Amino acid sequence: MPDPAAPAPRIAFDDFLKIDIRVGTIVAAEPLVGVRKPAIALKIDFGPEIGMKRSSAQITSHYRPAGLIGRQVAAVVNFPPRQIGKFMSEVLTVGFPDATGEVVLIHPEQPVPNGGRLF
């Protein structure tokens, strides 16, 4: 696996456009059971075009399920679904590593409509 701190190779703008990152609002969150690494199962509303999607997020260091409800997050919505234990994760919720490598979610500074695409 490449070093996540190293710069990625240069890509064309068309390559960036292939990654569909959208904003959605977390409507449900609960601990994900039966997985090797602690995670939270999220249900995220991406608006009428994309709908509700599920995501497994390894964010337990900084977040508790109840505190996530109503929070807007960004996620890659065009990766294929991925089986995480018995849970099918449909989108990849994204964030940045803190100083110890734990995930800090990214979110818009102001509320925006669900389903908006990152550009």
Protein backbone atom coordinates (compact mmCIF):
# COMPACT_ATOMS: atom_id res chain seq x y z
CA MET A 1 0.00 0.00 0.00
CA PRO A 2 1.41 3.45 -0.88
CA ASP A 3 2.33 5.87 1.89
CA PRO A 4 -0.90 7.83 2.58
CA ALA A 5 1.15 10.90 3.55
CA ALA A 6 3.08 10.96 0.26
CA PRO A 7 1.71 13.11 -2.57
CA ALA A 8 -0.34 11.13 -5.08
CA PRO A 9 0.76 11.04 -8.72
CA ARG A 10 -0.45 13.89 -10.91
CA ILE A 11 -3.77 13.17 -12.65
CA ALA A 12 -5.80 14.84 -15.38
CA PHE A 13 -8.86 16.89 -14.46
CA ASP A 14 -11.01 14.27 -16.20
CA ASP A 15 -9.71 11.71 -13.67
CA PHE A 16 -10.90 13.95 -10.81
CA LEU A 17 -14.34 14.18 -12.42
CA LYS A 18 -14.65 10.38 -12.25
CA ILE A 19 -14.80 10.54 -8.44
CA ASP A 20 -18.32 11.53 -7.39
CA ILE A 21 -18.12 13.09 -3.91
CA ARG A 22 -21.48 14.26 -2.56
CA VAL A 23 -22.78 15.79 0.65
CA GLY A 24 -25.43 14.07 2.72
CA THR A 25 -27.01 14.25 6.16
CA ILE A 26 -26.59 11.40 8.64
CA VAL A 27 -30.06 10.21 9.64
CA ALA A 28 -29.05 7.11 11.64
CA ALA A 29 -25.87 5.91 13.33
CA GLU A 30 -25.09 2.89 15.48
CA PRO A 31 -22.05 0.85 16.50
CA LEU A 32 -21.14 -1.72 13.86
CA VAL A 33 -20.90 -5.16 15.46
CA GLY A 34 -18.95 -8.15 14.20
CA VAL A 35 -16.06 -6.23 12.62
CA ARG A 36 -12.31 -6.37 13.37
CA LYS A 37 -11.86 -2.61 13.80
CA PRO A 38 -14.40 -0.48 15.71
CA ALA A 39 -16.73 1.33 13.34
CA ILE A 40 -20.05 3.12 13.17
CA ALA A 41 -22.78 2.14 10.71
CA LEU A 42 -24.18 5.30 9.12
CA LYS A 43 -27.36 5.85 7.12
CA ILE A 44 -26.91 9.00 5.03
CA ASP A 45 -29.54 10.96 3.07
CA PHE A 46 -28.05 12.20 -0.21
CA GLY A 47 -31.28 13.77 -1.48
CA PRO A 48 -33.79 12.57 -4.06
CA GLU A 49 -31.34 11.84 -6.89
CA ILE A 50 -29.10 9.44 -4.94
CA GLY A 51 -31.29 8.60 -1.95
CA MET A 52 -30.34 6.90 1.31
CA LYS A 53 -27.01 5.07 1.43
CA ARG A 54 -25.20 3.11 4.14
CA SER A 55 -21.58 3.53 5.14
CA SER A 56 -19.22 1.82 7.58
CA ALA A 57 -16.96 4.48 9.10
CA GLN A 58 -13.98 3.87 11.40
CA ILE A 59 -14.55 7.10 13.31
CA THR A 60 -15.05 5.86 16.89
CA SER A 61 -12.08 7.81 18.30
CA HIS A 62 -13.75 11.19 17.80
CA TYR A 63 -17.45 10.46 17.35
CA ARG A 64 -20.34 8.73 19.10
CA PRO A 65 -23.41 7.60 17.15
CA ALA A 66 -25.90 9.93 18.85
CA GLY A 67 -23.73 12.97 18.14
CA LEU A 68 -23.64 12.22 14.41
CA ILE A 69 -27.37 12.45 13.72
CA GLY A 70 -28.10 15.56 11.64
CA ARG A 71 -24.44 16.16 10.71
CA GLN A 72 -23.62 16.70 7.06
CA VAL A 73 -20.71 14.66 5.68
CA ALA A 74 -18.98 14.09 2.36
CA ALA A 75 -18.80 10.67 0.74
CA VAL A 76 -17.70 9.02 -2.49
CA VAL A 77 -20.95 7.68 -3.93
CA ASN A 78 -19.70 5.93 -7.09
CA PHE A 79 -17.44 3.21 -5.68
CA PRO A 80 -18.89 -0.32 -5.81
CA PRO A 81 -20.48 -1.51 -2.54
CA ARG A 82 -18.09 -3.22 -0.13
CA GLN A 83 -18.86 -5.97 2.36
CA ILE A 84 -17.63 -5.07 5.87
CA GLY A 85 -18.36 -8.09 8.08
CA LYS A 86 -22.11 -8.63 7.72
CA PHE A 87 -22.65 -4.99 6.70
CA MET A 88 -22.79 -3.77 3.08
CA SER A 89 -21.17 -0.33 2.85
CA GLU A 90 -22.51 1.56 -0.18
CA VAL A 91 -20.51 4.80 0.05
CA LEU A 92 -17.10 5.85 1.39
CA THR A 93 -17.45 8.59 4.01
CA VAL A 94 -14.34 10.77 3.83
CA GLY A 95 -12.22 12.69 6.33
CA PHE A 96 -8.68 13.69 7.17
CA PRO A 97 -6.27 12.11 9.67
CA ASP A 98 -5.57 13.92 12.91
CA ALA A 99 -2.04 13.97 14.39
CA THR A 100 -2.41 10.33 15.48
CA GLY A 101 -3.98 9.08 12.24
CA GLU A 102 -7.59 8.96 13.49
CA VAL A 103 -10.31 10.12 11.08
CA VAL A 104 -11.79 13.61 11.40
CA LEU A 105 -14.86 13.97 9.20
CA ILE A 106 -15.06 16.78 6.69
CA HIS A 107 -18.27 18.73 6.35
CA PRO A 108 -19.51 21.96 4.80
CA GLU A 109 -19.02 25.15 6.79
CA GLN A 110 -22.70 26.01 6.25
CA PRO A 111 -25.72 23.78 5.59
CA VAL A 112 -26.03 22.87 1.90
CA PRO A 113 -28.63 20.81 -0.01
CA ASN A 114 -28.15 17.06 0.27
CA GLY A 115 -26.72 15.53 -2.88
CA GLY A 116 -24.53 18.51 -3.81
CA ARG A 117 -21.38 17.44 -5.65
CA LEU A 118 -17.90 18.49 -4.60
CA PHE A 119 -16.15 20.63 -7.21
